[in-house]
Amino acid sequence: MIAYEGLRKEWKGKSPYATGDPIRLGWGPTDLALYGASYVGFFGGIVRRTNVEMILQLDCLATDFFHDPAFPTYLYYNPYDITKEVQINVGPESRDLYDAATDGFLKKNVKGVSSFTLAANTAAVVVVAPTGGTITHKGNRTLINGVVVDYVSSSNPRKVVHNQSTSRMRLIKKLQSEPPKL
């Protein structure tokens, strides 16, 4: 994808018209604008569709080039007012699905294409961990087989433990209004 600097409703009788300052103002030969849209390519490496329209899978590690050892980790958000069943392909090996947003397992011992329930108006940070991994805690962190899967576990008072009737979005809003002290 190569983006143009701007999109005009109409220009020279054509609508819509992709253009920019160079041609419109006559100071350059092209309106291709790599500087303005070069980062759009990152979305191609991060965003994947799921089986549910409007629920996307965002790869949390795709652009974290210097991360510590980690298991595949994905962010999902359900914008619907009803619970949805979201599919995930965990590969041929048996895996557990850990949700770092709720400090719990969504499913255990799954392989291939599996699914998990995503409550209405909530987010999940799904870590695809080895089946039956050893869970330990180090400070505020939760680890599986020595790999951090959650940097702020529920033992930290800054993280609200949710039940079925509490929206995970309340946690996000709370953390946005009261950022943790580092």
N, C-alpha and C. Protein backbone atom coordinates (compact mmCIF):
# COMPACT_ATOMS: atom_id res chain seq x y z
N MET A 1 0.84 -1.15 0.00
CA MET A 1 0.00 0.00 0.00
C MET A 1 0.90 1.23 0.00
N ILE A 2 0.62 2.14 -0.90
CA ILE A 2 1.29 3.44 -0.90
C ILE A 2 0.20 4.49 -0.77
N ALA A 3 0.29 5.28 0.24
CA ALA A 3 -0.75 6.26 0.52
C ALA A 3 -0.42 7.59 -0.14
N TYR A 4 -1.45 8.32 -0.40
CA TYR A 4 -1.31 9.70 -0.86
C TYR A 4 -1.35 10.61 0.34
N GLU A 5 -0.86 11.82 0.14
CA GLU A 5 -0.81 12.77 1.24
C GLU A 5 -2.20 13.16 1.72
N GLY A 6 -3.14 13.26 0.80
CA GLY A 6 -4.47 13.70 1.20
C GLY A 6 -5.54 13.14 0.28
N LEU A 7 -6.77 13.25 0.72
CA LEU A 7 -7.91 12.81 -0.07
C LEU A 7 -8.88 13.98 -0.15
N ARG A 8 -9.16 14.39 -1.34
CA ARG A 8 -10.08 15.50 -1.57
C ARG A 8 -11.43 14.95 -1.99
N LYS A 9 -12.49 15.60 -1.57
CA LYS A 9 -13.83 15.18 -1.99
C LYS A 9 -13.94 15.27 -3.51
N GLU A 10 -13.43 16.36 -4.08
CA GLU A 10 -13.47 16.53 -5.53
C GLU A 10 -12.32 17.44 -5.94
N TRP A 11 -11.69 17.11 -7.08
CA TRP A 11 -10.65 17.96 -7.66
C TRP A 11 -10.57 17.69 -9.14
N LYS A 12 -10.61 18.73 -9.94
CA LYS A 12 -10.56 18.63 -11.40
C LYS A 12 -11.62 17.68 -11.93
N GLY A 13 -12.83 17.75 -11.36
CA GLY A 13 -13.96 16.96 -11.84
C GLY A 13 -13.96 15.50 -11.43
N LYS A 14 -13.03 15.07 -10.61
CA LYS A 14 -12.97 13.67 -10.17
C LYS A 14 -13.27 13.61 -8.67
N SER A 15 -14.02 12.59 -8.29
CA SER A 15 -14.38 12.44 -6.89
C SER A 15 -14.44 10.96 -6.52
N PRO A 16 -13.86 10.54 -5.45
CA PRO A 16 -12.88 11.25 -4.63
C PRO A 16 -11.55 11.33 -5.39
N TYR A 17 -10.66 12.18 -4.92
CA TYR A 17 -9.38 12.37 -5.59
C TYR A 17 -8.25 12.35 -4.57
N ALA A 18 -7.33 11.40 -4.76
CA ALA A 18 -6.19 11.28 -3.87
C ALA A 18 -5.09 12.20 -4.38
N THR A 19 -4.66 13.10 -3.55
CA THR A 19 -3.66 14.07 -3.96
C THR A 19 -2.92 14.59 -2.73
N GLY A 20 -2.15 15.59 -2.93
CA GLY A 20 -1.42 16.21 -1.84
C GLY A 20 -0.88 17.54 -2.28
N ASP A 21 -0.03 18.14 -1.45
CA ASP A 21 0.51 19.47 -1.74
C ASP A 21 1.40 19.52 -2.98
N PRO A 22 2.28 18.53 -3.24
CA PRO A 22 3.20 18.68 -4.37
C PRO A 22 2.49 18.97 -5.70
N ILE A 23 1.52 18.18 -6.07
CA ILE A 23 0.85 18.41 -7.35
C ILE A 23 -0.17 19.54 -7.23
N ARG A 24 -0.92 19.56 -6.16
CA ARG A 24 -1.95 20.59 -6.00
C ARG A 24 -1.34 21.99 -6.00
N LEU A 25 -0.18 22.14 -5.37
CA LEU A 25 0.47 23.44 -5.29
C LEU A 25 1.57 23.62 -6.35
N GLY A 26 1.82 22.55 -7.13
CA GLY A 26 2.75 22.65 -8.25
C GLY A 26 4.22 22.64 -7.91
N TRP A 27 4.63 22.11 -6.76
CA TRP A 27 6.05 22.13 -6.43
C TRP A 27 6.72 20.77 -6.48
N GLY A 28 5.97 19.73 -6.86
CA GLY A 28 6.59 18.40 -6.94
C GLY A 28 5.92 17.52 -7.98
N PRO A 29 6.61 16.46 -8.41
CA PRO A 29 6.08 15.60 -9.48
C PRO A 29 5.13 14.50 -9.02
N THR A 30 5.02 14.24 -7.73
CA THR A 30 4.17 13.14 -7.26
C THR A 30 3.56 13.46 -5.91
N ASP A 31 2.44 12.80 -5.63
CA ASP A 31 1.79 12.96 -4.33
C ASP A 31 1.92 11.71 -3.46
N LEU A 32 2.75 10.78 -3.88
CA LEU A 32 2.95 9.61 -3.04
C LEU A 32 3.61 10.07 -1.75
N ALA A 33 3.05 9.68 -0.64
CA ALA A 33 3.48 10.25 0.64
C ALA A 33 3.93 9.18 1.61
N LEU A 34 5.08 8.65 1.36
CA LEU A 34 5.59 7.63 2.26
C LEU A 34 5.80 8.16 3.67
N TYR A 35 6.17 9.43 3.80
CA TYR A 35 6.41 9.98 5.13
C TYR A 35 5.14 10.06 5.96
N GLY A 36 3.99 10.21 5.34
CA GLY A 36 2.76 10.39 6.08
C GLY A 36 2.05 9.10 6.41
N ALA A 37 2.37 8.03 5.71
CA ALA A 37 1.62 6.80 5.93
C ALA A 37 2.51 5.57 6.05
N SER A 38 3.80 5.80 6.23
CA SER A 38 4.70 4.66 6.28
C SER A 38 4.38 3.71 7.43
N TYR A 39 3.81 4.25 8.50
CA TYR A 39 3.53 3.42 9.67
C TYR A 39 2.28 2.58 9.50
N VAL A 40 1.51 2.82 8.47
CA VAL A 40 0.31 2.02 8.22
C VAL A 40 0.70 0.56 8.01
N GLY A 41 1.88 0.33 7.48
CA GLY A 41 2.34 -1.04 7.25
C GLY A 41 2.44 -1.85 8.53
N PHE A 42 2.68 -1.20 9.66
CA PHE A 42 2.72 -1.93 10.92
C PHE A 42 1.41 -2.64 11.20
N PHE A 43 0.30 -2.01 10.80
CA PHE A 43 -1.00 -2.64 11.03
C PHE A 43 -1.09 -3.99 10.33
N GLY A 44 -0.45 -4.10 9.17
CA GLY A 44 -0.46 -5.37 8.45
C GLY A 44 0.20 -6.49 9.25
N GLY A 45 1.15 -6.14 10.09
CA GLY A 45 1.82 -7.13 10.91
C GLY A 45 1.17 -7.36 12.26
N ILE A 46 0.26 -6.49 12.64
CA ILE A 46 -0.35 -6.57 13.97
C ILE A 46 -1.79 -7.08 13.93
N VAL A 47 -2.57 -6.60 12.98
CA VAL A 47 -4.01 -6.82 12.98
C VAL A 47 -4.40 -8.03 12.13
N ARG A 48 -5.24 -8.88 12.69
CA ARG A 48 -5.81 -10.03 11.98
C ARG A 48 -7.31 -10.06 12.24
N ARG A 49 -8.05 -10.54 11.27
CA ARG A 49 -9.49 -10.72 11.46
C ARG A 49 -9.74 -11.98 12.29
N THR A 50 -10.89 -12.01 12.92
CA THR A 50 -11.34 -13.22 13.61
C THR A 50 -12.61 -13.70 12.93
N ASN A 51 -13.21 -14.71 13.49
CA ASN A 51 -14.47 -15.22 12.96
C ASN A 51 -15.64 -14.30 13.25
N VAL A 52 -15.44 -13.29 14.10
CA VAL A 52 -16.50 -12.36 14.47
C VAL A 52 -16.17 -10.99 13.88
N GLU A 53 -17.07 -10.50 13.04
CA GLU A 53 -16.87 -9.18 12.46
C GLU A 53 -16.75 -8.14 13.57
N MET A 54 -15.81 -7.22 13.42
CA MET A 54 -15.54 -6.13 14.35
C MET A 54 -14.75 -6.55 15.59
N ILE A 55 -14.43 -7.82 15.72
CA ILE A 55 -13.51 -8.24 16.78
C ILE A 55 -12.22 -8.65 16.09
N LEU A 56 -11.17 -7.88 16.36
CA LEU A 56 -9.88 -8.12 15.73
C LEU A 56 -8.92 -8.77 16.70
N GLN A 57 -7.93 -9.46 16.15
CA GLN A 57 -6.84 -10.02 16.94
C GLN A 57 -5.63 -9.12 16.71
N LEU A 58 -5.11 -8.51 17.77
CA LEU A 58 -3.93 -7.66 17.67
C LEU A 58 -2.75 -8.39 18.30
N ASP A 59 -1.71 -8.59 17.52
CA ASP A 59 -0.52 -9.30 17.99
C ASP A 59 0.31 -8.34 18.84
N CYS A 60 0.35 -8.58 20.13
CA CYS A 60 1.03 -7.67 21.06
C CYS A 60 2.55 -7.71 20.93
N LEU A 61 3.09 -8.73 20.30
CA LEU A 61 4.55 -8.86 20.21
C LEU A 61 5.10 -8.49 18.84
N ALA A 62 4.23 -8.25 17.86
CA ALA A 62 4.67 -8.06 16.47
C ALA A 62 5.65 -6.91 16.31
N THR A 63 5.49 -5.85 17.05
CA THR A 63 6.39 -4.71 16.90
C THR A 63 7.25 -4.48 18.14
N ASP A 64 7.24 -5.43 19.04
CA ASP A 64 8.10 -5.34 20.23
C ASP A 64 9.37 -6.13 19.92
N PHE A 65 10.27 -5.49 19.19
CA PHE A 65 11.43 -6.19 18.64
C PHE A 65 12.46 -6.61 19.68
N PHE A 66 12.40 -6.04 20.87
CA PHE A 66 13.41 -6.33 21.88
C PHE A 66 12.81 -6.92 23.16
N HIS A 67 11.65 -7.59 23.02
CA HIS A 67 11.00 -8.12 24.21
C HIS A 67 11.76 -9.31 24.80
N ASP A 68 11.54 -9.51 26.08
CA ASP A 68 12.08 -10.68 26.76
C ASP A 68 11.36 -11.91 26.21
N PRO A 69 11.83 -13.11 26.58
CA PRO A 69 11.11 -14.30 26.12
C PRO A 69 9.62 -14.18 26.44
N ALA A 70 8.78 -14.57 25.48
CA ALA A 70 7.33 -14.40 25.65
C ALA A 70 6.60 -15.44 24.84
N PHE A 71 5.41 -15.76 25.29
CA PHE A 71 4.52 -16.63 24.53
C PHE A 71 3.66 -15.75 23.63
N PRO A 72 3.12 -16.31 22.53
CA PRO A 72 2.24 -15.51 21.68
C PRO A 72 1.15 -14.83 22.51
N THR A 73 0.97 -13.54 22.30
CA THR A 73 0.05 -12.73 23.11
C THR A 73 -0.78 -11.85 22.19
N TYR A 74 -2.11 -11.90 22.38
CA TYR A 74 -3.02 -11.17 21.50
C TYR A 74 -4.04 -10.38 22.31
N LEU A 75 -4.38 -9.20 21.80
CA LEU A 75 -5.40 -8.36 22.41
C LEU A 75 -6.67 -8.47 21.58
N TYR A 76 -7.79 -8.65 22.26
CA TYR A 76 -9.12 -8.70 21.63
C TYR A 76 -10.03 -7.74 22.37
N TYR A 77 -10.95 -7.13 21.64
CA TYR A 77 -11.97 -6.29 22.28
C TYR A 77 -13.32 -6.59 21.64
N ASN A 78 -14.32 -6.84 22.47
CA ASN A 78 -15.67 -7.11 22.00
C ASN A 78 -16.51 -5.85 22.14
N PRO A 79 -16.83 -5.17 21.01
CA PRO A 79 -17.61 -3.94 21.08
C PRO A 79 -19.11 -4.18 21.18
N TYR A 80 -19.51 -5.42 21.11
CA TYR A 80 -20.94 -5.75 21.11
C TYR A 80 -21.51 -5.72 22.53
N ASP A 81 -22.83 -5.60 22.61
CA ASP A 81 -23.53 -5.63 23.89
C ASP A 81 -23.90 -7.04 24.31
N ILE A 82 -23.40 -8.02 23.58
CA ILE A 82 -23.63 -9.43 23.90
C ILE A 82 -22.31 -10.18 23.86
N THR A 83 -22.25 -11.29 24.56
CA THR A 83 -21.07 -12.15 24.58
C THR A 83 -20.86 -12.77 23.21
N LYS A 84 -19.61 -12.91 22.81
CA LYS A 84 -19.26 -13.52 21.53
C LYS A 84 -18.27 -14.65 21.75
N GLU A 85 -18.31 -15.63 20.87
CA GLU A 85 -17.37 -16.75 20.88
C GLU A 85 -16.34 -16.49 19.79
N VAL A 86 -15.08 -16.29 20.19
CA VAL A 86 -14.03 -15.90 19.26
C VAL A 86 -13.08 -17.09 19.04
N GLN A 87 -12.76 -17.35 17.78
CA GLN A 87 -11.86 -18.45 17.45
C GLN A 87 -10.40 -17.97 17.45
N ILE A 88 -9.53 -18.91 17.80
CA ILE A 88 -8.09 -18.66 17.79
C ILE A 88 -7.39 -19.94 17.34
N ASN A 89 -6.40 -19.81 16.48
CA ASN A 89 -5.63 -20.97 16.04
C ASN A 89 -4.36 -21.03 16.87
N VAL A 90 -4.24 -22.05 17.71
CA VAL A 90 -3.08 -22.17 18.60
C VAL A 90 -2.02 -23.11 18.05
N GLY A 91 -2.26 -23.68 16.87
CA GLY A 91 -1.30 -24.60 16.28
C GLY A 91 -1.54 -26.03 16.69
N PRO A 92 -0.69 -26.93 16.23
CA PRO A 92 -0.93 -28.37 16.45
C PRO A 92 -0.62 -28.87 17.85
N GLU A 93 0.21 -28.12 18.60
CA GLU A 93 0.57 -28.54 19.96
C GLU A 93 -0.51 -28.11 20.94
N SER A 94 -0.68 -28.87 22.00
CA SER A 94 -1.65 -28.54 23.05
C SER A 94 -1.22 -27.28 23.80
N ARG A 95 -2.17 -26.35 24.03
CA ARG A 95 -1.88 -25.07 24.68
C ARG A 95 -2.96 -24.71 25.68
N ASP A 96 -2.61 -23.79 26.59
CA ASP A 96 -3.58 -23.20 27.51
C ASP A 96 -3.74 -21.73 27.12
N LEU A 97 -4.95 -21.21 27.25
CA LEU A 97 -5.23 -19.81 26.94
C LEU A 97 -5.38 -19.04 28.25
N TYR A 98 -4.40 -18.20 28.56
CA TYR A 98 -4.38 -17.41 29.78
C TYR A 98 -4.78 -15.99 29.44
N ASP A 99 -5.69 -15.41 30.22
CA ASP A 99 -6.12 -14.02 30.00
C ASP A 99 -5.45 -13.13 31.04
N ALA A 100 -4.51 -12.31 30.60
CA ALA A 100 -3.78 -11.42 31.51
C ALA A 100 -4.68 -10.31 32.04
N ALA A 101 -5.81 -10.05 31.39
CA ALA A 101 -6.73 -9.01 31.89
C ALA A 101 -7.49 -9.46 33.12
N THR A 102 -7.72 -10.76 33.23
CA THR A 102 -8.49 -11.28 34.37
C THR A 102 -7.68 -12.22 35.26
N ASP A 103 -6.43 -12.43 34.91
CA ASP A 103 -5.56 -13.32 35.69
C ASP A 103 -6.09 -14.74 35.77
N GLY A 104 -6.62 -15.24 34.68
CA GLY A 104 -7.15 -16.60 34.72
C GLY A 104 -7.10 -17.26 33.36
N PHE A 105 -7.35 -18.54 33.37
CA PHE A 105 -7.34 -19.31 32.13
C PHE A 105 -8.72 -19.28 31.49
N LEU A 106 -8.74 -19.00 30.20
CA LEU A 106 -9.98 -19.05 29.43
C LEU A 106 -10.30 -20.49 29.05
N LYS A 107 -9.25 -21.21 28.66
CA LYS A 107 -9.38 -22.62 28.29
C LYS A 107 -8.04 -23.30 28.51
N LYS A 108 -8.10 -24.59 28.76
CA LYS A 108 -6.88 -25.36 28.93
C LYS A 108 -6.88 -26.54 27.97
N ASN A 109 -5.66 -26.94 27.62
CA ASN A 109 -5.44 -28.14 26.80
C ASN A 109 -6.20 -28.08 25.47
N VAL A 110 -5.99 -27.00 24.72
CA VAL A 110 -6.63 -26.86 23.40
C VAL A 110 -5.57 -26.98 22.32
N LYS A 111 -5.98 -27.34 21.12
CA LYS A 111 -5.06 -27.38 19.99
C LYS A 111 -5.82 -27.05 18.72
N GLY A 112 -5.06 -26.67 17.69
CA GLY A 112 -5.69 -26.30 16.42
C GLY A 112 -6.54 -25.06 16.58
N VAL A 113 -7.68 -25.05 15.90
CA VAL A 113 -8.61 -23.92 16.02
C VAL A 113 -9.50 -24.18 17.23
N SER A 114 -9.42 -23.29 18.18
CA SER A 114 -10.24 -23.37 19.39
C SER A 114 -11.02 -22.07 19.49
N SER A 115 -11.77 -21.92 20.56
CA SER A 115 -12.50 -20.67 20.76
C SER A 115 -12.56 -20.35 22.24
N PHE A 116 -12.86 -19.09 22.52
CA PHE A 116 -13.04 -18.65 23.89
C PHE A 116 -14.18 -17.64 23.91
N THR A 117 -14.78 -17.48 25.07
CA THR A 117 -15.89 -16.55 25.23
C THR A 117 -15.35 -15.18 25.60
N LEU A 118 -15.84 -14.16 24.90
CA LEU A 118 -15.46 -12.79 25.18
C LEU A 118 -16.72 -12.02 25.53
N ALA A 119 -16.82 -11.64 26.80
CA ALA A 119 -18.02 -10.97 27.31
C ALA A 119 -18.25 -9.64 26.60
N ALA A 120 -19.48 -9.17 26.68
CA ALA A 120 -19.86 -7.91 26.04
C ALA A 120 -19.02 -6.75 26.54
N ASN A 121 -18.61 -5.89 25.62
CA ASN A 121 -17.88 -4.66 25.95
C ASN A 121 -16.65 -4.89 26.82
N THR A 122 -15.93 -5.96 26.55
CA THR A 122 -14.73 -6.26 27.33
C THR A 122 -13.55 -6.53 26.42
N ALA A 123 -12.38 -6.50 27.02
CA ALA A 123 -11.14 -6.82 26.33
C ALA A 123 -10.52 -8.04 26.99
N ALA A 124 -9.71 -8.75 26.23
CA ALA A 124 -8.94 -9.87 26.76
C ALA A 124 -7.54 -9.79 26.18
N VAL A 125 -6.55 -10.08 27.01
CA VAL A 125 -5.17 -10.18 26.57
C VAL A 125 -4.82 -11.66 26.68
N VAL A 126 -4.93 -12.36 25.56
CA VAL A 126 -4.81 -13.82 25.54
C VAL A 126 -3.37 -14.23 25.28
N VAL A 127 -2.82 -14.98 26.23
CA VAL A 127 -1.48 -15.53 26.11
C VAL A 127 -1.62 -17.01 25.80
N VAL A 128 -0.99 -17.45 24.70
CA VAL A 128 -1.04 -18.85 24.29
C VAL A 128 0.16 -19.54 24.95
N ALA A 129 -0.11 -20.19 26.08
CA ALA A 129 0.95 -20.76 26.92
C ALA A 129 1.01 -22.28 26.79
N PRO A 130 2.15 -22.86 27.15
CA PRO A 130 2.25 -24.32 27.13
C PRO A 130 1.23 -24.95 28.09
N THR A 131 0.65 -26.04 27.68
CA THR A 131 -0.32 -26.73 28.52
C THR A 131 0.34 -27.20 29.82
N GLY A 132 -0.36 -26.94 30.92
CA GLY A 132 0.10 -27.42 32.22
C GLY A 132 1.35 -26.76 32.73
N GLY A 133 1.67 -25.57 32.25
CA GLY A 133 2.87 -24.87 32.69
C GLY A 133 2.83 -24.55 34.18
N THR A 134 4.00 -24.38 34.76
CA THR A 134 4.11 -24.05 36.17
C THR A 134 3.91 -22.55 36.37
N ILE A 135 2.91 -22.20 37.19
CA ILE A 135 2.62 -20.80 37.47
C ILE A 135 3.36 -20.36 38.72
N THR A 136 4.08 -19.25 38.61
CA THR A 136 4.77 -18.65 39.74
C THR A 136 4.50 -17.15 39.73
N HIS A 137 4.80 -16.52 40.86
CA HIS A 137 4.63 -15.07 40.98
C HIS A 137 5.94 -14.49 41.47
N LYS A 138 6.33 -13.38 40.87
CA LYS A 138 7.54 -12.67 41.26
C LYS A 138 7.18 -11.19 41.34
N GLY A 139 7.04 -10.69 42.57
CA GLY A 139 6.56 -9.33 42.73
C GLY A 139 5.13 -9.24 42.21
N ASN A 140 4.87 -8.30 41.34
CA ASN A 140 3.55 -8.14 40.74
C ASN A 140 3.36 -8.97 39.49
N ARG A 141 4.38 -9.69 39.08
CA ARG A 141 4.33 -10.42 37.82
C ARG A 141 3.86 -11.86 37.99
N THR A 142 3.12 -12.34 36.99
CA THR A 142 2.73 -13.74 36.92
C THR A 142 3.56 -14.38 35.81
N LEU A 143 4.15 -15.54 36.11
CA LEU A 143 4.98 -16.24 35.14
C LEU A 143 4.44 -17.65 34.91
N ILE A 144 4.60 -18.14 33.70
CA ILE A 144 4.32 -19.53 33.38
C ILE A 144 5.61 -20.11 32.82
N ASN A 145 6.10 -21.16 33.44
CA ASN A 145 7.38 -21.77 33.06
C ASN A 145 8.50 -20.73 33.02
N GLY A 146 8.47 -19.76 33.93
CA GLY A 146 9.52 -18.76 34.01
C GLY A 146 9.39 -17.60 33.04
N VAL A 147 8.32 -17.58 32.23
CA VAL A 147 8.10 -16.52 31.24
C VAL A 147 6.96 -15.63 31.74
N VAL A 148 7.21 -14.32 31.78
CA VAL A 148 6.18 -13.38 32.26
C VAL A 148 4.99 -13.40 31.31
N VAL A 149 3.79 -13.60 31.88
CA VAL A 149 2.55 -13.54 31.11
C VAL A 149 1.66 -12.40 31.56
N ASP A 150 2.00 -11.79 32.70
CA ASP A 150 1.22 -10.68 33.22
C ASP A 150 2.12 -9.84 34.12
N TYR A 151 2.28 -8.57 33.76
CA TYR A 151 3.17 -7.70 34.53
C TYR A 151 2.49 -7.07 35.74
N VAL A 152 1.16 -7.09 35.79
CA VAL A 152 0.43 -6.54 36.94
C VAL A 152 -0.64 -7.56 37.32
N SER A 153 -0.29 -8.50 38.17
CA SER A 153 -1.23 -9.55 38.54
C SER A 153 -2.26 -9.02 39.53
N SER A 154 -3.31 -9.79 39.77
CA SER A 154 -4.40 -9.33 40.63
C SER A 154 -3.98 -9.13 42.07
N SER A 155 -2.80 -9.62 42.43
CA SER A 155 -2.32 -9.37 43.79
C SER A 155 -1.94 -7.90 43.97
N ASN A 156 -1.80 -7.18 42.87
CA ASN A 156 -1.50 -5.76 42.93
C ASN A 156 -2.80 -4.99 43.13
N PRO A 157 -2.89 -4.11 44.13
CA PRO A 157 -4.14 -3.39 44.38
C PRO A 157 -4.57 -2.48 43.23
N ARG A 158 -3.67 -2.20 42.27
CA ARG A 158 -4.03 -1.35 41.13
C ARG A 158 -4.87 -2.11 40.11
N LYS A 159 -4.94 -3.41 40.22
CA LYS A 159 -5.70 -4.20 39.26
C LYS A 159 -6.97 -4.69 39.91
N VAL A 160 -8.09 -4.43 39.30
CA VAL A 160 -9.39 -4.80 39.84
C VAL A 160 -9.71 -6.23 39.40
N VAL A 161 -10.11 -7.06 40.35
CA VAL A 161 -10.53 -8.41 40.00
C VAL A 161 -11.98 -8.35 39.52
N HIS A 162 -12.20 -8.89 38.36
CA HIS A 162 -13.53 -8.80 37.75
C HIS A 162 -14.30 -10.11 37.91
N ASN A 163 -15.62 -9.98 37.98
CA ASN A 163 -16.46 -11.15 37.92
C ASN A 163 -17.31 -11.04 36.66
N GLN A 164 -18.22 -11.97 36.46
CA GLN A 164 -18.99 -12.00 35.22
C GLN A 164 -19.80 -10.73 34.99
N SER A 165 -20.23 -10.04 36.05
CA SER A 165 -21.08 -8.87 35.88
C SER A 165 -20.29 -7.57 35.79
N THR A 166 -18.95 -7.63 35.96
CA THR A 166 -18.13 -6.41 35.94
C THR A 166 -17.40 -6.31 34.61
N SER A 167 -17.52 -5.20 33.95
CA SER A 167 -16.86 -5.00 32.66
C SER A 167 -15.37 -4.80 32.83
N ARG A 168 -14.58 -5.46 32.02
CA ARG A 168 -13.13 -5.26 32.04
C ARG A 168 -12.77 -3.85 31.60
N MET A 169 -13.65 -3.21 30.88
CA MET A 169 -13.38 -1.85 30.43
C MET A 169 -13.30 -0.88 31.61
N ARG A 170 -13.95 -1.18 32.72
CA ARG A 170 -13.85 -0.32 33.90
C ARG A 170 -12.42 -0.27 34.40
N LEU A 171 -11.73 -1.39 34.31
CA LEU A 171 -10.33 -1.43 34.71
C LEU A 171 -9.51 -0.51 33.81
N ILE A 172 -9.72 -0.61 32.53
CA ILE A 172 -8.96 0.22 31.60
C ILE A 172 -9.22 1.70 31.88
N LYS A 173 -10.49 2.06 32.07
CA LYS A 173 -10.82 3.46 32.35
C LYS A 173 -10.20 3.92 33.67
N LYS A 174 -10.20 3.04 34.67
CA LYS A 174 -9.62 3.39 35.97
C LYS A 174 -8.12 3.63 35.83
N LEU A 175 -7.45 2.75 35.11
CA LEU A 175 -6.01 2.92 34.94
C LEU A 175 -5.68 4.15 34.12
N GLN A 176 -6.55 4.51 33.18
CA GLN A 176 -6.33 5.73 32.40
C GLN A 176 -6.52 6.97 33.27
N SER A 177 -7.49 6.94 34.18
CA SER A 177 -7.73 8.11 35.01
C SER A 177 -6.77 8.18 36.19
N GLU A 178 -6.27 7.03 36.63
CA GLU A 178 -5.33 6.98 37.75
C GLU A 178 -4.14 6.11 37.35
N PRO A 179 -3.21 6.65 36.57
CA PRO A 179 -2.08 5.82 36.12
C PRO A 179 -1.28 5.29 37.31
N PRO A 180 -0.77 4.05 37.17
CA PRO A 180 0.01 3.49 38.27
C PRO A 180 1.27 4.31 38.54
N LYS A 181 1.67 4.38 39.79
CA LYS A 181 2.89 5.10 40.16
C LYS A 181 4.06 4.16 39.98
N LEU A 182 5.02 4.60 39.20
CA LEU A 182 6.20 3.76 38.92
C LEU A 182 7.35 4.13 39.81
